[in-house]
């Protein structure tokens, strides 16, 4: 007969950080999916509103017609709202985006729990094109390269892990 071990559930492998390559590929897949479903259809609308001859002609079209600038602003707010919804809702509801699912990554809270909505929201503020958050476009990837964790992950108290790590944790808890 096997002796009961109350600490068996806690005797698990340490958290295996996913490689930068896996994280980059997952983001690239997500960006490709967003390009096909969001960016490409709206690019056609933007092309009709603004001439694409050169920067000067485009700038003149925006400044010469207030309604064109307003429409483009609305479209851009709509696009970035969709991007935020994609990342925040998928990470909150499924624990992973489509790219993460394909590559085998998952998001969890630092305690190993499912992240809350606000954790997912803070984690993805990097996608907002507003001043304080634009700084994250440079800082977040650099922070990831040097520490193996995004700064936005530390601020949101979340982490990206290999999905097989979570499966192993579940198996270990079921055995206990």
C-alpha atoms as a PDB file:
ATOM      1  CA  UNK A   1       0.000   0.000   0.000  1.00  0.00           C
ATOM      2  CA  UNK A   2       1.272   3.414  -0.965  1.00  0.00           C
ATOM      3  CA  UNK A   3       1.811   5.900   1.881  1.00  0.00           C
ATOM      4  CA  UNK A   4      -0.111   9.171   1.745  1.00  0.00           C
ATOM      5  CA  UNK A   5       2.106  12.162   0.990  1.00  0.00           C
ATOM      6  CA  UNK A   6       0.352  15.499   1.759  1.00  0.00           C
ATOM      7  CA  UNK A   7       3.073  17.424  -0.114  1.00  0.00           C
ATOM      8  CA  UNK A   8       2.893  15.340  -3.301  1.00  0.00           C
ATOM      9  CA  UNK A   9       0.847  17.972  -5.119  1.00  0.00           C
ATOM     10  CA  UNK A  10       3.548  20.545  -4.451  1.00  0.00           C
ATOM     11  CA  UNK A  11       6.460  18.386  -5.604  1.00  0.00           C
ATOM     12  CA  UNK A  12       6.306  19.535  -9.188  1.00  0.00           C
ATOM     13  CA  UNK A  13       8.806  20.662 -11.770  1.00  0.00           C
ATOM     14  CA  UNK A  14       9.848  24.317 -11.608  1.00  0.00           C
ATOM     15  CA  UNK A  15       8.134  26.682 -14.007  1.00  0.00           C
ATOM     16  CA  UNK A  16       9.655  26.367 -17.435  1.00  0.00           C
ATOM     17  CA  UNK A  17       9.843  29.755 -19.134  1.00  0.00           C
ATOM     18  CA  UNK A  18       8.910  29.599 -22.825  1.00  0.00           C
ATOM     19  CA  UNK A  19      11.649  30.595 -25.228  1.00  0.00           C
ATOM     20  CA  UNK A  20      11.697  34.016 -26.840  1.00  0.00           C
ATOM     21  CA  UNK A  21      11.259  32.305 -30.205  1.00  0.00           C
ATOM     22  CA  UNK A  22       8.023  30.622 -29.107  1.00  0.00           C
ATOM     23  CA  UNK A  23       6.697  33.886 -27.704  1.00  0.00           C
ATOM     24  CA  UNK A  24       7.635  35.783 -30.872  1.00  0.00           C
ATOM     25  CA  UNK A  25       6.029  33.147 -33.126  1.00  0.00           C
ATOM     26  CA  UNK A  26       2.812  33.243 -31.088  1.00  0.00           C
ATOM     27  CA  UNK A  27       2.699  37.041 -31.372  1.00  0.00           C
ATOM     28  CA  UNK A  28       3.465  36.838 -35.104  1.00  0.00           C
ATOM     29  CA  UNK A  29       0.568  34.409 -35.597  1.00  0.00           C
ATOM     30  CA  UNK A  30      -1.763  36.662 -33.604  1.00  0.00           C
ATOM     31  CA  UNK A  31      -0.652  39.712 -35.591  1.00  0.00           C
ATOM     32  CA  UNK A  32      -1.155  37.808 -38.870  1.00  0.00           C
ATOM     33  CA  UNK A  33      -4.664  36.817 -37.823  1.00  0.00           C
ATOM     34  CA  UNK A  34      -5.455  40.426 -36.873  1.00  0.00           C
ATOM     35  CA  UNK A  35      -3.988  41.630 -40.181  1.00  0.00           C
ATOM     36  CA  UNK A  36      -6.344  39.385 -42.130  1.00  0.00           C
ATOM     37  CA  UNK A  37      -9.470  39.996 -40.049  1.00  0.00           C
ATOM     38  CA  UNK A  38      -9.112  43.624 -38.903  1.00  0.00           C
ATOM     39  CA  UNK A  39      -6.325  45.593 -40.565  1.00  0.00           C
ATOM     40  CA  UNK A  40      -6.794  44.536 -44.216  1.00  0.00           C
ATOM     41  CA  UNK A  41     -10.541  45.286 -44.436  1.00  0.00           C
ATOM     42  CA  UNK A  42     -10.116  48.681 -42.808  1.00  0.00           C
ATOM     43  CA  UNK A  43      -7.076  49.519 -44.958  1.00  0.00           C
ATOM     44  CA  UNK A  44      -9.374  49.517 -47.975  1.00  0.00           C
ATOM     45  CA  UNK A  45     -11.583  52.122 -46.279  1.00  0.00           C
ATOM     46  CA  UNK A  46      -8.569  54.246 -45.348  1.00  0.00           C
ATOM     47  CA  UNK A  47      -7.250  54.136 -48.926  1.00  0.00           C
ATOM     48  CA  UNK A  48     -10.493  55.670 -50.170  1.00  0.00           C
ATOM     49  CA  UNK A  49     -10.268  58.469 -47.604  1.00  0.00           C
ATOM     50  CA  UNK A  50      -6.630  59.439 -48.061  1.00  0.00           C
ATOM     51  CA  UNK A  51      -4.470  59.670 -51.159  1.00  0.00           C
ATOM     52  CA  UNK A  52      -1.451  57.397 -51.013  1.00  0.00           C
ATOM     53  CA  UNK A  53       0.751  59.338 -53.445  1.00  0.00           C
ATOM     54  CA  UNK A  54       3.126  60.646 -50.801  1.00  0.00           C
ATOM     55  CA  UNK A  55       3.243  61.930 -47.251  1.00  0.00           C
ATOM     56  CA  UNK A  56       2.647  65.565 -48.220  1.00  0.00           C
ATOM     57  CA  UNK A  57      -0.520  64.734 -50.170  1.00  0.00           C
ATOM     58  CA  UNK A  58      -1.845  62.583 -47.331  1.00  0.00           C
ATOM     59  CA  UNK A  59      -1.093  65.267 -44.745  1.00  0.00           C
ATOM     60  CA  UNK A  60      -2.800  67.915 -46.895  1.00  0.00           C
ATOM     61  CA  UNK A  61      -5.889  65.695 -47.219  1.00  0.00           C
ATOM     62  CA  UNK A  62      -6.124  65.271 -43.448  1.00  0.00           C
ATOM     63  CA  UNK A  63      -5.592  68.903 -42.549  1.00  0.00           C
ATOM     64  CA  UNK A  64      -7.728  70.286 -45.375  1.00  0.00           C
ATOM     65  CA  UNK A  65     -10.842  68.328 -44.509  1.00  0.00           C
ATOM     66  CA  UNK A  66     -11.923  68.023 -40.867  1.00  0.00           C
ATOM     67  CA  UNK A  67     -14.444  65.275 -41.546  1.00  0.00           C
ATOM     68  CA  UNK A  68     -11.748  63.035 -43.088  1.00  0.00           C
ATOM     69  CA  UNK A  69      -9.586  63.407 -39.997  1.00  0.00           C
ATOM     70  CA  UNK A  70     -12.553  62.646 -37.737  1.00  0.00           C
ATOM     71  CA  UNK A  71     -13.474  59.515 -39.697  1.00  0.00           C
ATOM     72  CA  UNK A  72      -9.889  58.260 -39.624  1.00  0.00           C
ATOM     73  CA  UNK A  73      -9.689  58.889 -35.873  1.00  0.00           C
ATOM     74  CA  UNK A  74     -12.879  56.884 -35.359  1.00  0.00           C
ATOM     75  CA  UNK A  75     -11.516  54.046 -37.502  1.00  0.00           C
ATOM     76  CA  UNK A  76      -8.242  53.992 -35.556  1.00  0.00           C
ATOM     77  CA  UNK A  77     -10.053  53.923 -32.195  1.00  0.00           C
ATOM     78  CA  UNK A  78     -12.200  51.076 -33.546  1.00  0.00           C
ATOM     79  CA  UNK A  79      -9.114  49.128 -34.719  1.00  0.00           C
ATOM     80  CA  UNK A  80      -7.272  49.438 -31.421  1.00  0.00           C
ATOM     81  CA  UNK A  81     -10.435  48.563 -29.497  1.00  0.00           C
ATOM     82  CA  UNK A  82     -10.689  45.345 -31.538  1.00  0.00           C
ATOM     83  CA  UNK A  83      -7.012  44.569 -30.913  1.00  0.00           C
ATOM     84  CA  UNK A  84      -7.440  45.075 -27.156  1.00  0.00           C
ATOM     85  CA  UNK A  85     -10.612  42.969 -27.141  1.00  0.00           C
ATOM     86  CA  UNK A  86      -8.843  40.183 -29.028  1.00  0.00           C
ATOM     87  CA  UNK A  87      -5.972  39.910 -26.575  1.00  0.00           C
ATOM     88  CA  UNK A  88      -7.817  40.709 -23.339  1.00  0.00           C
ATOM     89  CA  UNK A  89     -10.904  38.552 -23.902  1.00  0.00           C
ATOM     90  CA  UNK A  90      -9.073  35.526 -25.291  1.00  0.00           C
ATOM     91  CA  UNK A  91      -6.518  35.568 -22.474  1.00  0.00           C
ATOM     92  CA  UNK A  92      -9.269  36.061 -19.886  1.00  0.00           C
ATOM     93  CA  UNK A  93     -11.739  33.506 -21.254  1.00  0.00           C
ATOM     94  CA  UNK A  94      -9.365  30.866 -22.650  1.00  0.00           C
ATOM     95  CA  UNK A  95      -6.058  31.681 -20.989  1.00  0.00           C
ATOM     96  CA  UNK A  96      -4.428  32.014 -24.412  1.00  0.00           C
ATOM     97  CA  UNK A  97      -4.735  33.704 -27.779  1.00  0.00           C
ATOM     98  CA  UNK A  98      -4.982  31.801 -31.065  1.00  0.00           C
ATOM     99  CA  UNK A  99      -1.228  32.185 -31.631  1.00  0.00           C
ATOM    100  CA  UNK A 100      -0.472  30.950 -28.114  1.00  0.00           C
ATOM    101  CA  UNK A 101      -2.779  27.980 -28.625  1.00  0.00           C
ATOM    102  CA  UNK A 102      -1.015  26.994 -31.843  1.00  0.00           C
ATOM    103  CA  UNK A 103       2.483  27.388 -30.334  1.00  0.00           C
ATOM    104  CA  UNK A 104       1.582  25.803 -26.983  1.00  0.00           C
ATOM    105  CA  UNK A 105       1.691  28.743 -24.566  1.00  0.00           C
ATOM    106  CA  UNK A 106      -0.725  29.845 -21.882  1.00  0.00           C
ATOM    107  CA  UNK A 107      -1.225  32.845 -19.565  1.00  0.00           C
ATOM    108  CA  UNK A 108      -1.631  32.403 -15.829  1.00  0.00           C
ATOM    109  CA  UNK A 109      -1.532  34.555 -12.726  1.00  0.00           C
ATOM    110  CA  UNK A 110       1.685  34.442 -10.729  1.00  0.00           C
ATOM    111  CA  UNK A 111       0.008  32.154  -8.210  1.00  0.00           C
ATOM    112  CA  UNK A 112      -0.743  29.674 -10.993  1.00  0.00           C
ATOM    113  CA  UNK A 113      -4.408  30.681 -11.157  1.00  0.00           C
ATOM    114  CA  UNK A 114      -6.451  31.832 -14.132  1.00  0.00           C
ATOM    115  CA  UNK A 115      -5.782  35.559 -14.657  1.00  0.00           C
ATOM    116  CA  UNK A 116      -8.558  38.005 -13.814  1.00  0.00           C
ATOM    117  CA  UNK A 117     -10.056  40.348 -16.386  1.00  0.00           C
ATOM    118  CA  UNK A 118      -8.108  43.304 -14.952  1.00  0.00           C
ATOM    119  CA  UNK A 119      -4.847  41.374 -15.006  1.00  0.00           C
ATOM    120  CA  UNK A 120      -5.425  40.638 -18.696  1.00  0.00           C
ATOM    121  CA  UNK A 121      -6.351  44.264 -19.342  1.00  0.00           C
ATOM    122  CA  UNK A 122      -3.218  45.655 -17.636  1.00  0.00           C
ATOM    123  CA  UNK A 123      -1.074  43.025 -19.341  1.00  0.00           C
ATOM    124  CA  UNK A 124      -2.243  44.248 -22.766  1.00  0.00           C
ATOM    125  CA  UNK A 125      -2.173  48.021 -22.239  1.00  0.00           C
ATOM    126  CA  UNK A 126       0.929  47.918 -24.413  1.00  0.00           C
ATOM    127  CA  UNK A 127      -1.378  47.830 -27.462  1.00  0.00           C
ATOM    128  CA  UNK A 128      -2.936  51.229 -26.751  1.00  0.00           C
ATOM    129  CA  UNK A 129      -1.562  53.957 -29.047  1.00  0.00           C
ATOM    130  CA  UNK A 130      -1.599  56.629 -26.336  1.00  0.00           C
ATOM    131  CA  UNK A 131       1.426  58.433 -24.968  1.00  0.00           C
ATOM    132  CA  UNK A 132       2.308  56.668 -21.766  1.00  0.00           C
ATOM    133  CA  UNK A 133       1.623  53.258 -23.283  1.00  0.00           C
ATOM    134  CA  UNK A 134       3.608  53.872 -26.475  1.00  0.00           C
ATOM    135  CA  UNK A 135       6.734  53.792 -24.302  1.00  0.00           C
ATOM    136  CA  UNK A 136       5.911  50.114 -23.671  1.00  0.00           C
ATOM    137  CA  UNK A 137       6.325  49.399 -27.407  1.00  0.00           C
ATOM    138  CA  UNK A 138      10.088  49.719 -26.852  1.00  0.00           C
ATOM    139  CA  UNK A 139      10.479  48.961 -23.141  1.00  0.00           C
ATOM    140  CA  UNK A 140       8.335  45.796 -23.020  1.00  0.00           C
ATOM    141  CA  UNK A 141      10.267  43.789 -25.660  1.00  0.00           C
ATOM    142  CA  UNK A 142      13.622  44.918 -24.257  1.00  0.00           C
ATOM    143  CA  UNK A 143      12.547  43.950 -20.748  1.00  0.00           C
ATOM    144  CA  UNK A 144      11.483  40.550 -22.096  1.00  0.00           C
ATOM    145  CA  UNK A 145      14.861  39.953 -23.749  1.00  0.00           C
ATOM    146  CA  UNK A 146      16.782  40.697 -20.556  1.00  0.00           C
ATOM    147  CA  UNK A 147      14.488  39.217 -17.891  1.00  0.00           C
ATOM    148  CA  UNK A 148      12.491  36.536 -19.791  1.00  0.00           C
ATOM    149  CA  UNK A 149       9.287  38.277 -18.679  1.00  0.00           C
ATOM    150  CA  UNK A 150       7.516  41.309 -20.122  1.00  0.00           C
ATOM    151  CA  UNK A 151       7.300  44.396 -17.924  1.00  0.00           C
ATOM    152  CA  UNK A 152       3.540  44.401 -18.490  1.00  0.00           C
ATOM    153  CA  UNK A 153       3.467  40.837 -17.146  1.00  0.00           C
ATOM    154  CA  UNK A 154       5.195  41.929 -13.961  1.00  0.00           C
ATOM    155  CA  UNK A 155       2.849  44.895 -13.562  1.00  0.00           C
ATOM    156  CA  UNK A 156      -0.202  42.682 -14.077  1.00  0.00           C
ATOM    157  CA  UNK A 157       1.181  39.833 -11.926  1.00  0.00           C
ATOM    158  CA  UNK A 158       0.812  37.339 -14.774  1.00  0.00           C
ATOM    159  CA  UNK A 159       3.209  35.098 -16.651  1.00  0.00           C
ATOM    160  CA  UNK A 160       3.365  33.212 -19.909  1.00  0.00           C
ATOM    161  CA  UNK A 161       4.122  29.514 -19.492  1.00  0.00           C
ATOM    162  CA  UNK A 162       4.324  26.480 -21.721  1.00  0.00           C
ATOM    163  CA  UNK A 163       0.886  24.861 -21.930  1.00  0.00           C
ATOM    164  CA  UNK A 164       2.394  21.436 -21.175  1.00  0.00           C
ATOM    165  CA  UNK A 165       3.537  22.835 -17.788  1.00  0.00           C
ATOM    166  CA  UNK A 166      -0.082  23.505 -16.870  1.00  0.00           C
ATOM    167  CA  UNK A 167      -1.113  20.030 -18.047  1.00  0.00           C
ATOM    168  CA  UNK A 168       1.653  18.521 -15.868  1.00  0.00           C
ATOM    169  CA  UNK A 169       0.434  20.543 -12.855  1.00  0.00           C
ATOM    170  CA  UNK A 170      -3.121  19.245 -13.395  1.00  0.00           C
ATOM    171  CA  UNK A 171      -1.914  15.638 -13.661  1.00  0.00           C
ATOM    172  CA  UNK A 172       0.120  16.008 -10.467  1.00  0.00           C
ATOM    173  CA  UNK A 173      -2.875  17.451  -8.587  1.00  0.00           C
ATOM    174  CA  UNK A 174      -5.155  14.643  -9.817  1.00  0.00           C
ATOM    175  CA  UNK A 175      -2.668  12.021  -8.604  1.00  0.00           C
ATOM    176  CA  UNK A 176      -2.565  13.538  -5.118  1.00  0.00           C
END
